[in-house]
Each structure stands twice: as C-alpha cells, then as structure tokens.
Protein backbone atom coordinates (compact mmCIF):
# COMPACT_ATOMS: atom_id res chain seq x y z
CA UNK A 1 0.70 -0.43 0.11
CA UNK A 2 3.15 2.00 0.73
CA UNK A 3 4.49 2.73 -2.39
CA UNK A 4 0.99 2.45 -3.99
CA UNK A 5 0.33 6.00 -2.20
CA UNK A 6 4.44 6.87 -2.92
CA UNK A 7 3.38 6.52 -6.75
CA UNK A 8 -0.47 8.42 -6.37
CA UNK A 9 1.70 10.91 -4.08
CA UNK A 10 3.67 10.88 -7.44
CA UNK A 11 1.80 11.72 -10.05
CA UNK A 12 -0.77 13.75 -8.17
CA UNK A 13 2.18 16.57 -7.00
CA UNK A 14 3.18 16.10 -11.29
CA UNK A 15 -0.88 18.43 -11.67
CA UNK A 16 0.32 20.29 -9.06
CA UNK A 17 3.25 22.22 -10.76
CA UNK A 18 0.81 22.68 -13.54
CA UNK A 19 -1.04 23.72 -11.39
CA UNK A 20 1.06 26.23 -9.43
CA UNK A 21 2.61 27.62 -12.84
CA UNK A 22 -0.66 29.26 -13.17
CA UNK A 23 -0.97 30.75 -9.69
CA UNK A 24 2.78 31.49 -10.85
CA UNK A 25 1.75 33.75 -13.71
CA UNK A 26 -0.71 35.06 -12.73
CA UNK A 27 -4.07 32.93 -14.18
CA UNK A 28 -6.58 30.54 -12.51
CA UNK A 29 -5.85 27.71 -13.86
CA UNK A 30 -8.31 24.86 -15.36
CA UNK A 31 -10.57 23.16 -13.48
CA UNK A 32 -10.34 19.75 -14.61
CA UNK A 33 -6.21 19.28 -13.62
CA UNK A 34 -7.45 20.61 -9.60
CA UNK A 35 -9.63 18.20 -9.32
CA UNK A 36 -7.77 15.37 -10.93
CA UNK A 37 -5.05 16.81 -8.48
CA UNK A 38 -7.33 17.20 -5.70
CA UNK A 39 -8.63 12.94 -6.39
CA UNK A 40 -4.24 12.37 -6.68
CA UNK A 41 -4.03 13.36 -3.24
CA UNK A 42 -7.53 12.35 -2.01
CA UNK A 43 -6.42 8.31 -3.44
CA UNK A 44 -3.48 9.00 -1.72
CA UNK A 45 -4.59 9.21 1.43
CA UNK A 46 -6.64 6.55 1.43
CA UNK A 47 -4.04 4.41 0.63
CA UNK A 48 -1.66 6.61 2.86
CA UNK A 49 -4.57 5.73 5.46
CA UNK A 50 -4.55 1.79 4.69
CA UNK A 51 -1.29 0.60 4.46
CA UNK A 52 -0.70 2.47 8.16
CA UNK A 53 -3.87 1.20 9.80
CA UNK A 54 -2.66 -2.85 8.45
CA UNK A 55 0.39 -2.40 10.72
CA UNK A 56 3.81 -2.75 10.79
CA UNK A 57 4.38 0.02 9.10
CA UNK A 58 7.61 2.11 9.81
CA UNK A 59 6.83 5.04 12.08
CA UNK A 60 8.07 7.61 8.91
CA UNK A 61 4.55 6.54 7.31
CA UNK A 62 2.60 7.59 10.28
CA UNK A 63 4.73 10.77 10.12
CA UNK A 64 4.03 11.53 6.30
CA UNK A 65 0.73 10.67 6.99
CA UNK A 66 0.31 13.43 9.25
CA UNK A 67 2.38 15.59 7.39
CA UNK A 68 0.54 15.09 3.98
CA UNK A 69 -3.09 15.46 5.87
CA UNK A 70 -2.30 18.84 6.91
CA UNK A 71 -0.96 19.70 3.09
CA UNK A 72 -4.89 18.36 2.31
CA UNK A 73 -6.06 21.08 4.63
CA UNK A 74 -4.27 24.01 2.92
CA UNK A 75 -5.25 22.06 -0.72
CA UNK A 76 -9.02 23.26 0.75
CA UNK A 77 -8.25 26.48 1.59
CA UNK A 78 -6.29 26.95 -2.09
CA UNK A 79 -9.68 25.06 -3.28
CA UNK A 80 -11.60 27.54 -1.93
CA UNK A 81 -10.54 30.48 -3.46
CA UNK A 82 -10.72 28.65 -6.50
CA UNK A 83 -14.31 27.96 -6.31
CA UNK A 84 -14.90 31.55 -5.22
CA UNK A 85 -12.35 32.40 -8.99
CA UNK A 86 -9.44 34.21 -7.24
CA UNK A 87 -6.81 33.46 -7.38
CA UNK A 88 -4.89 31.43 -4.32
CA UNK A 89 -1.65 34.21 -2.67
CA UNK A 90 1.76 32.91 -3.67
CA UNK A 91 2.30 32.86 -0.44
CA UNK A 92 0.04 29.62 0.38
CA UNK A 93 0.30 28.15 -2.98
CA UNK A 94 4.41 27.85 -1.43
CA UNK A 95 3.54 27.15 1.73
CA UNK A 96 0.62 23.64 0.05
CA UNK A 97 3.68 22.67 -1.85
CA UNK A 98 6.13 22.99 1.04
CA UNK A 99 4.16 20.68 3.34
CA UNK A 100 2.96 18.12 0.65
CA UNK A 101 6.90 18.38 -0.73
CA UNK A 102 8.32 16.68 2.58
CA UNK A 103 5.59 14.48 3.66
CA UNK A 104 6.26 12.68 0.24
CA UNK A 105 10.15 12.28 0.68
CA UNK A 106 9.25 11.48 4.22
CA UNK A 107 6.86 9.05 3.03
CA UNK A 108 9.50 8.18 0.32
CA UNK A 109 12.36 7.44 3.28
CA UNK A 110 9.85 4.88 4.74
CA UNK A 111 9.69 3.57 1.84
CA UNK A 112 12.99 2.85 0.58
CA UNK A 113 13.31 1.86 4.10
CA UNK A 114 16.39 5.26 5.17
C-alpha cells in the first residue's frame, strides 16, 4: 500500500506543479486539473491510511500521513479560493507545496527504509 500511495502522490505532484505554474503566472488553473489533483491526493491519503492501518508500517509512514493531511487541509483552502474564481496567494501555494513535498519525502524514506 505504501508504494502505491507514493506513486499516486508522485502523479498528483506533477499536477500540482502545473497548477502552481498557473498561479505564479497570475492565471487561474483549469478546473479539470484541479479536480484530478485533488482526487489523486485523496486517493494517496486513503492508500496511506490503509497501509498505516494494517500495522507494521514504519513510524515515518505515520508521520508522513500526518504531514500529508496538513497539506490536504491547505489544498482545501486553496480549492475554496479557486471556487470563488479568485487567484490564490502565492505564499499559500508555496506553503501547501512545501508541506506536501515534505510529506512525500518522509513517505519516500519510509518506503525505501532510509
């Protein structure tokens, strides 16, 4: 489960880069990409919850879950801004991305056993 979650988060990150590039250029991102990014992030979280919930997962996987849940909360906030047709503050985008990358790297270290 942890490897699958890692793969899904990696794909979601590619969408996140695309979304961030729009915001950094002062443009609203396409809705379809935003929705796919959110669905992939949610899928990754479900897979990670299942992996941690089965027991035997490294403690770093649990830490990654906590960090990625925080990233998801930031994502909900960004989506609420997008829903109103407004451009998200760049600082919030950077914080969301930084938290998500941190969670991804913690999960990667858990999967690789580093």
